[in-house]
Amino acid sequence: AIETIVGAAKSFDFLGEDYETIVVDNAKVGEE
């Protein structure tokens, strides 16, 4: 997921500061 976040963000340069990345963490209770 970290590689995906960084790769997508690099592609968002054309948007300048006008974007956000939201990660929905589906970790189960007890998982890291």
ModelCIF file with pLDDT and N, C-alpha, C, O atoms, coordinates in Angstrom:
data_MODEL
#
_entry.id   MODEL 
#
_entity.id                         1 
_entity.type                       polymer 
_entity.pdbx_number_of_molecules   1 
#
_entity_poly.entity_id                      1 
_entity_poly.type                           'polypeptide(L)' 
_entity_poly.nstd_linkage                   no 
_entity_poly.nstd_monomer                   no 
_entity_poly.pdbx_seq_one_letter_code       AIETIVGAAKSFDFLGEDYETIVVDNAKVGEE 
_entity_poly.pdbx_seq_one_letter_code_can   AIETIVGAAKSFDFLGEDYETIVVDNAKVGEE 
_entity_poly.pdbx_strand_id                 A 
#
loop_
_entity_poly_seq.entity_id 
_entity_poly_seq.num 
_entity_poly_seq.mon_id 
_entity_poly_seq.hetero 
1 1  ALA n 
1 2  ILE n 
1 3  GLU n 
1 4  THR n 
1 5  ILE n 
1 6  VAL n 
1 7  GLY n 
1 8  ALA n 
1 9  ALA n 
1 10 LYS n 
1 11 SER n 
1 12 PHE n 
1 13 ASP n 
1 14 PHE n 
1 15 LEU n 
1 16 GLY n 
1 17 GLU n 
1 18 ASP n 
1 19 TYR n 
1 20 GLU n 
1 21 THR n 
1 22 ILE n 
1 23 VAL n 
1 24 VAL n 
1 25 ASP n 
1 26 ASN n 
1 27 ALA n 
1 28 LYS n 
1 29 VAL n 
1 30 GLY n 
1 31 GLU n 
1 32 GLU n 
#
_struct_asym.id          A 
_struct_asym.entity_id   1 
#
loop_
_ma_qa_metric.id 
_ma_qa_metric.mode 
_ma_qa_metric.name 
_ma_qa_metric.software_group_id 
_ma_qa_metric.type 
1 global pLDDT . pLDDT 
2 local  pLDDT . pLDDT 
#
_ma_qa_metric_global.metric_id      1 
_ma_qa_metric_global.metric_value   81.81 
_ma_qa_metric_global.model_id       1 
_ma_qa_metric_global.ordinal_id     1 
#
loop_
_ma_qa_metric_local.label_asym_id 
_ma_qa_metric_local.label_comp_id 
_ma_qa_metric_local.label_seq_id 
_ma_qa_metric_local.metric_id 
_ma_qa_metric_local.metric_value 
_ma_qa_metric_local.model_id 
_ma_qa_metric_local.ordinal_id 
A ALA 1  2 84.00 1 1  
A ILE 2  2 84.00 1 2  
A GLU 3  2 83.00 1 3  
A THR 4  2 87.00 1 4  
A ILE 5  2 85.00 1 5  
A VAL 6  2 86.00 1 6  
A GLY 7  2 86.00 1 7  
A ALA 8  2 86.00 1 8  
A ALA 9  2 83.00 1 9  
A LYS 10 2 82.00 1 10 
A SER 11 2 82.00 1 11 
A PHE 12 2 80.00 1 12 
A ASP 13 2 76.00 1 13 
A PHE 14 2 75.00 1 14 
A LEU 15 2 76.00 1 15 
A GLY 16 2 73.00 1 16 
A GLU 17 2 72.00 1 17 
A ASP 18 2 81.00 1 18 
A TYR 19 2 86.00 1 19 
A GLU 20 2 88.00 1 20 
A THR 21 2 89.00 1 21 
A ILE 22 2 91.00 1 22 
A VAL 23 2 91.00 1 23 
A VAL 24 2 92.00 1 24 
A ASP 25 2 88.00 1 25 
A ASN 26 2 83.00 1 26 
A ALA 27 2 78.00 1 27 
A LYS 28 2 74.00 1 28 
A VAL 29 2 69.00 1 29 
A GLY 30 2 71.00 1 30 
A GLU 31 2 78.00 1 31 
A GLU 32 2 79.00 1 32 
#
loop_
_atom_site.group_PDB 
_atom_site.id 
_atom_site.type_symbol 
_atom_site.label_atom_id 
_atom_site.label_alt_id 
_atom_site.label_comp_id 
_atom_site.label_asym_id 
_atom_site.label_entity_id 
_atom_site.label_seq_id 
_atom_site.pdbx_PDB_ins_code 
_atom_site.Cartn_x 
_atom_site.Cartn_y 
_atom_site.Cartn_z 
_atom_site.occupancy 
_atom_site.B_iso_or_equiv 
_atom_site.pdbx_formal_charge 
_atom_site.auth_seq_id 
_atom_site.auth_comp_id 
_atom_site.auth_asym_id 
_atom_site.auth_atom_id 
_atom_site.pdbx_PDB_model_num 
ATOM 1   N N  . ALA A 1 1  ? 0.817  -1.216 0.000   1.00 84.00 ? 1  ALA A N  1 
ATOM 2   C CA . ALA A 1 1  ? 0.000  0.000  0.000   1.00 84.00 ? 1  ALA A CA 1 
ATOM 3   C C  . ALA A 1 1  ? 0.845  1.258  0.000   1.00 84.00 ? 1  ALA A C  1 
ATOM 4   O O  . ALA A 1 1  ? 0.480  2.247  -0.636  1.00 84.00 ? 1  ALA A O  1 
ATOM 5   N N  . ILE A 1 2  ? 1.976  1.239  0.707   1.00 84.00 ? 2  ILE A N  1 
ATOM 6   C CA . ILE A 1 2  ? 2.822  2.438  0.765   1.00 84.00 ? 2  ILE A CA 1 
ATOM 7   C C  . ILE A 1 2  ? 3.347  2.782  -0.629  1.00 84.00 ? 2  ILE A C  1 
ATOM 8   O O  . ILE A 1 2  ? 3.383  3.955  -1.001  1.00 84.00 ? 2  ILE A O  1 
ATOM 9   N N  . GLU A 1 3  ? 3.749  1.781  -1.397  1.00 83.00 ? 3  GLU A N  1 
ATOM 10  C CA . GLU A 1 3  ? 4.219  2.025  -2.767  1.00 83.00 ? 3  GLU A CA 1 
ATOM 11  C C  . GLU A 1 3  ? 3.102  2.618  -3.615  1.00 83.00 ? 3  GLU A C  1 
ATOM 12  O O  . GLU A 1 3  ? 3.346  3.503  -4.436  1.00 83.00 ? 3  GLU A O  1 
ATOM 13  N N  . THR A 1 4  ? 1.885  2.137  -3.423  1.00 87.00 ? 4  THR A N  1 
ATOM 14  C CA . THR A 1 4  ? 0.745  2.668  -4.171  1.00 87.00 ? 4  THR A CA 1 
ATOM 15  C C  . THR A 1 4  ? 0.491  4.123  -3.809  1.00 87.00 ? 4  THR A C  1 
ATOM 16  O O  . THR A 1 4  ? 0.263  4.947  -4.695  1.00 87.00 ? 4  THR A O  1 
ATOM 17  N N  . ILE A 1 5  ? 0.528  4.450  -2.524  1.00 85.00 ? 5  ILE A N  1 
ATOM 18  C CA . ILE A 1 5  ? 0.292  5.831  -2.083  1.00 85.00 ? 5  ILE A CA 1 
ATOM 19  C C  . ILE A 1 5  ? 1.332  6.764  -2.681  1.00 85.00 ? 5  ILE A C  1 
ATOM 20  O O  . ILE A 1 5  ? 0.988  7.824  -3.206  1.00 85.00 ? 5  ILE A O  1 
ATOM 21  N N  . VAL A 1 6  ? 2.597  6.381  -2.607  1.00 86.00 ? 6  VAL A N  1 
ATOM 22  C CA . VAL A 1 6  ? 3.673  7.235  -3.112  1.00 86.00 ? 6  VAL A CA 1 
ATOM 23  C C  . VAL A 1 6  ? 3.587  7.360  -4.634  1.00 86.00 ? 6  VAL A C  1 
ATOM 24  O O  . VAL A 1 6  ? 3.752  8.451  -5.180  1.00 86.00 ? 6  VAL A O  1 
ATOM 25  N N  . GLY A 1 7  ? 3.330  6.248  -5.312  1.00 86.00 ? 7  GLY A N  1 
ATOM 26  C CA . GLY A 1 7  ? 3.235  6.292  -6.773  1.00 86.00 ? 7  GLY A CA 1 
ATOM 27  C C  . GLY A 1 7  ? 2.097  7.159  -7.249  1.00 86.00 ? 7  GLY A C  1 
ATOM 28  O O  . GLY A 1 7  ? 2.255  7.931  -8.195  1.00 86.00 ? 7  GLY A O  1 
ATOM 29  N N  . ALA A 1 8  ? 0.936  7.041  -6.595  1.00 86.00 ? 8  ALA A N  1 
ATOM 30  C CA . ALA A 1 8  ? -0.214 7.867  -6.974  1.00 86.00 ? 8  ALA A CA 1 
ATOM 31  C C  . ALA A 1 8  ? 0.076  9.339  -6.711  1.00 86.00 ? 8  ALA A C  1 
ATOM 32  O O  . ALA A 1 8  ? -0.248 10.193 -7.536  1.00 86.00 ? 8  ALA A O  1 
ATOM 33  N N  . ALA A 1 9  ? 0.685  9.640  -5.565  1.00 83.00 ? 9  ALA A N  1 
ATOM 34  C CA . ALA A 1 9  ? 0.973  11.031 -5.213  1.00 83.00 ? 9  ALA A CA 1 
ATOM 35  C C  . ALA A 1 9  ? 1.898  11.678 -6.233  1.00 83.00 ? 9  ALA A C  1 
ATOM 36  O O  . ALA A 1 9  ? 1.720  12.847 -6.575  1.00 83.00 ? 9  ALA A O  1 
ATOM 37  N N  . LYS A 1 10 ? 2.873  10.940 -6.718  1.00 82.00 ? 10 LYS A N  1 
ATOM 38  C CA . LYS A 1 10 ? 3.780  11.492 -7.736  1.00 82.00 ? 10 LYS A CA 1 
ATOM 39  C C  . LYS A 1 10 ? 3.017  11.830 -9.012  1.00 82.00 ? 10 LYS A C  1 
ATOM 40  O O  . LYS A 1 10 ? 3.352  12.785 -9.713  1.00 82.00 ? 10 LYS A O  1 
ATOM 41  N N  . SER A 1 11 ? 1.993  11.039 -9.306  1.00 82.00 ? 11 SER A N  1 
ATOM 42  C CA . SER A 1 11 ? 1.179  11.303 -10.495 1.00 82.00 ? 11 SER A CA 1 
ATOM 43  C C  . SER A 1 11 ? 0.243  12.489 -10.299 1.00 82.00 ? 11 SER A C  1 
ATOM 44  O O  . SER A 1 11 ? -0.303 13.021 -11.266 1.00 82.00 ? 11 SER A O  1 
ATOM 45  N N  . PHE A 1 12 ? 0.057  12.903 -9.042  1.00 80.00 ? 12 PHE A N  1 
ATOM 46  C CA . PHE A 1 12 ? -0.854 14.006 -8.748  1.00 80.00 ? 12 PHE A CA 1 
ATOM 47  C C  . PHE A 1 12 ? -0.176 15.373 -8.808  1.00 80.00 ? 12 PHE A C  1 
ATOM 48  O O  . PHE A 1 12 ? -0.788 16.376 -8.440  1.00 80.00 ? 12 PHE A O  1 
ATOM 49  N N  . ASP A 1 13 ? 1.073  15.429 -9.264  1.00 76.00 ? 13 ASP A N  1 
ATOM 50  C CA . ASP A 1 13 ? 1.779  16.715 -9.330  1.00 76.00 ? 13 ASP A CA 1 
ATOM 51  C C  . ASP A 1 13 ? 0.993  17.752 -10.120 1.00 76.00 ? 13 ASP A C  1 
ATOM 52  O O  . ASP A 1 13 ? 1.048  18.944 -9.820  1.00 76.00 ? 13 ASP A O  1 
ATOM 53  N N  . PHE A 1 14 ? 0.257  17.291 -11.138 1.00 75.00 ? 14 PHE A N  1 
ATOM 54  C CA . PHE A 1 14 ? -0.486 18.227 -11.985 1.00 75.00 ? 14 PHE A CA 1 
ATOM 55  C C  . PHE A 1 14 ? -1.614 18.915 -11.213 1.00 75.00 ? 14 PHE A C  1 
ATOM 56  O O  . PHE A 1 14 ? -2.135 19.938 -11.657 1.00 75.00 ? 14 PHE A O  1 
ATOM 57  N N  . LEU A 1 15 ? -1.988 18.361 -10.067 1.00 76.00 ? 15 LEU A N  1 
ATOM 58  C CA . LEU A 1 15 ? -3.043 18.961 -9.252  1.00 76.00 ? 15 LEU A CA 1 
ATOM 59  C C  . LEU A 1 15 ? -2.504 19.974 -8.244  1.00 76.00 ? 15 LEU A C  1 
ATOM 60  O O  . LEU A 1 15 ? -3.275 20.634 -7.549  1.00 76.00 ? 15 LEU A O  1 
ATOM 61  N N  . GLY A 1 16 ? -1.173 20.094 -8.168  1.00 73.00 ? 16 GLY A N  1 
ATOM 62  C CA . GLY A 1 16 ? -0.601 20.987 -7.179  1.00 73.00 ? 16 GLY A CA 1 
ATOM 63  C C  . GLY A 1 16 ? -0.917 20.500 -5.778  1.00 73.00 ? 16 GLY A C  1 
ATOM 64  O O  . GLY A 1 16 ? -0.661 19.343 -5.444  1.00 73.00 ? 16 GLY A O  1 
ATOM 65  N N  . GLU A 1 17 ? -1.476 21.382 -4.957  1.00 72.00 ? 17 GLU A N  1 
ATOM 66  C CA . GLU A 1 17 ? -1.838 21.029 -3.587  1.00 72.00 ? 17 GLU A CA 1 
ATOM 67  C C  . GLU A 1 17 ? -3.296 20.583 -3.472  1.00 72.00 ? 17 GLU A C  1 
ATOM 68  O O  . GLU A 1 17 ? -3.779 20.304 -2.375  1.00 72.00 ? 17 GLU A O  1 
ATOM 69  N N  . ASP A 1 18 ? -3.989 20.517 -4.605  1.00 81.00 ? 18 ASP A N  1 
ATOM 70  C CA . ASP A 1 18 ? -5.439 20.320 -4.575  1.00 81.00 ? 18 ASP A CA 1 
ATOM 71  C C  . ASP A 1 18 ? -5.820 18.843 -4.646  1.00 81.00 ? 18 ASP A C  1 
ATOM 72  O O  . ASP A 1 18 ? -6.556 18.434 -5.544  1.00 81.00 ? 18 ASP A O  1 
ATOM 73  N N  . TYR A 1 19 ? -5.327 18.050 -3.712  1.00 86.00 ? 19 TYR A N  1 
ATOM 74  C CA . TYR A 1 19 ? -5.721 16.651 -3.640  1.00 86.00 ? 19 TYR A CA 1 
ATOM 75  C C  . TYR A 1 19 ? -5.493 16.155 -2.222  1.00 86.00 ? 19 TYR A C  1 
ATOM 76  O O  . TYR A 1 19 ? -4.807 16.801 -1.430  1.00 86.00 ? 19 TYR A O  1 
ATOM 77  N N  . GLU A 1 20 ? -6.071 15.010 -1.912  1.00 88.00 ? 20 GLU A N  1 
ATOM 78  C CA . GLU A 1 20 ? -5.855 14.358 -0.624  1.00 88.00 ? 20 GLU A CA 1 
ATOM 79  C C  . GLU A 1 20 ? -5.853 12.851 -0.848  1.00 88.00 ? 20 GLU A C  1 
ATOM 80  O O  . GLU A 1 20 ? -6.483 12.348 -1.778  1.00 88.00 ? 20 GLU A O  1 
ATOM 81  N N  . THR A 1 21 ? -5.148 12.150 0.003   1.00 89.00 ? 21 THR A N  1 
ATOM 82  C CA . THR A 1 21 ? -5.106 10.695 -0.057  1.00 89.00 ? 21 THR A CA 1 
ATOM 83  C C  . THR A 1 21 ? -5.709 10.147 1.225   1.00 89.00 ? 21 THR A C  1 
ATOM 84  O O  . THR A 1 21 ? -5.219 10.426 2.319   1.00 89.00 ? 21 THR A O  1 
ATOM 85  N N  . ILE A 1 22 ? -6.754 9.383  1.091   1.00 91.00 ? 22 ILE A N  1 
ATOM 86  C CA . ILE A 1 22 ? -7.435 8.803  2.253   1.00 91.00 ? 22 ILE A CA 1 
ATOM 87  C C  . ILE A 1 22 ? -7.209 7.298  2.239   1.00 91.00 ? 22 ILE A C  1 
ATOM 88  O O  . ILE A 1 22 ? -7.558 6.621  1.272   1.00 91.00 ? 22 ILE A O  1 
ATOM 89  N N  . VAL A 1 23 ? -6.637 6.789  3.288   1.00 91.00 ? 23 VAL A N  1 
ATOM 90  C CA . VAL A 1 23 ? -6.405 5.359  3.442   1.00 91.00 ? 23 VAL A CA 1 
ATOM 91  C C  . VAL A 1 23 ? -7.412 4.820  4.445   1.00 91.00 ? 23 VAL A C  1 
ATOM 92  O O  . VAL A 1 23 ? -7.443 5.254  5.597   1.00 91.00 ? 23 VAL A O  1 
ATOM 93  N N  . VAL A 1 24 ? -8.215 3.896  4.018   1.00 92.00 ? 24 VAL A N  1 
ATOM 94  C CA . VAL A 1 24 ? -9.155 3.234  4.923   1.00 92.00 ? 24 VAL A CA 1 
ATOM 95  C C  . VAL A 1 24 ? -8.490 1.947  5.396   1.00 92.00 ? 24 VAL A C  1 
ATOM 96  O O  . VAL A 1 24 ? -8.307 1.005  4.625   1.00 92.00 ? 24 VAL A O  1 
ATOM 97  N N  . ASP A 1 25 ? -8.140 1.925  6.657   1.00 88.00 ? 25 ASP A N  1 
ATOM 98  C CA . ASP A 1 25 ? -7.417 0.796  7.230   1.00 88.00 ? 25 ASP A CA 1 
ATOM 99  C C  . ASP A 1 25 ? -8.424 -0.255 7.688   1.00 88.00 ? 25 ASP A C  1 
ATOM 100 O O  . ASP A 1 25 ? -9.144 -0.066 8.668   1.00 88.00 ? 25 ASP A O  1 
ATOM 101 N N  . ASN A 1 26 ? -8.456 -1.359 6.959   1.00 83.00 ? 26 ASN A N  1 
ATOM 102 C CA . ASN A 1 26 ? -9.391 -2.443 7.260   1.00 83.00 ? 26 ASN A CA 1 
ATOM 103 C C  . ASN A 1 26 ? -8.797 -3.482 8.210   1.00 83.00 ? 26 ASN A C  1 
ATOM 104 O O  . ASN A 1 26 ? -9.235 -4.632 8.230   1.00 83.00 ? 26 ASN A O  1 
ATOM 105 N N  . ALA A 1 27 ? -7.807 -3.079 8.989   1.00 78.00 ? 27 ALA A N  1 
ATOM 106 C CA . ALA A 1 27 ? -7.183 -4.030 9.909   1.00 78.00 ? 27 ALA A CA 1 
ATOM 107 C C  . ALA A 1 27 ? -8.203 -4.561 10.913  1.00 78.00 ? 27 ALA A C  1 
ATOM 108 O O  . ALA A 1 27 ? -9.026 -3.812 11.439  1.00 78.00 ? 27 ALA A O  1 
ATOM 109 N N  . LYS A 1 28 ? -8.132 -5.850 11.163  1.00 74.00 ? 28 LYS A N  1 
ATOM 110 C CA . LYS A 1 28 ? -9.010 -6.465 12.149  1.00 74.00 ? 28 LYS A CA 1 
ATOM 111 C C  . LYS A 1 28 ? -8.544 -6.095 13.562  1.00 74.00 ? 28 LYS A C  1 
ATOM 112 O O  . LYS A 1 28 ? -7.390 -5.721 13.772  1.00 74.00 ? 28 LYS A O  1 
ATOM 113 N N  . VAL A 1 29 ? -9.450 -6.205 14.508  1.00 69.00 ? 29 VAL A N  1 
ATOM 114 C CA . VAL A 1 29 ? -9.099 -5.958 15.905  1.00 69.00 ? 29 VAL A CA 1 
ATOM 115 C C  . VAL A 1 29 ? -7.975 -6.916 16.310  1.00 69.00 ? 29 VAL A C  1 
ATOM 116 O O  . VAL A 1 29 ? -8.071 -8.124 16.092  1.00 69.00 ? 29 VAL A O  1 
ATOM 117 N N  . GLY A 1 30 ? -6.916 -6.367 16.897  1.00 71.00 ? 30 GLY A N  1 
ATOM 118 C CA . GLY A 1 30 ? -5.780 -7.178 17.295  1.00 71.00 ? 30 GLY A CA 1 
ATOM 119 C C  . GLY A 1 30 ? -4.650 -7.174 16.294  1.00 71.00 ? 30 GLY A C  1 
ATOM 120 O O  . GLY A 1 30 ? -3.526 -7.537 16.642  1.00 71.00 ? 30 GLY A O  1 
ATOM 121 N N  . GLU A 1 31 ? -4.915 -6.769 15.041  1.00 78.00 ? 31 GLU A N  1 
ATOM 122 C CA . GLU A 1 31 ? -3.863 -6.666 14.040  1.00 78.00 ? 31 GLU A CA 1 
ATOM 123 C C  . GLU A 1 31 ? -3.173 -5.316 14.148  1.00 78.00 ? 31 GLU A C  1 
ATOM 124 O O  . GLU A 1 31 ? -3.736 -4.354 14.670  1.00 78.00 ? 31 GLU A O  1 
ATOM 125 N N  . GLU A 1 32 ? -1.941 -5.262 13.645  1.00 79.00 ? 32 GLU A N  1 
ATOM 126 C CA . GLU A 1 32 ? -1.212 -3.997 13.642  1.00 79.00 ? 32 GLU A CA 1 
ATOM 127 C C  . GLU A 1 32 ? -1.898 -3.013 12.706  1.00 79.00 ? 32 GLU A C  1 
ATOM 128 O O  . GLU A 1 32 ? -1.440 -1.880 12.557  1.00 79.00 ? 32 GLU A O  1 
#
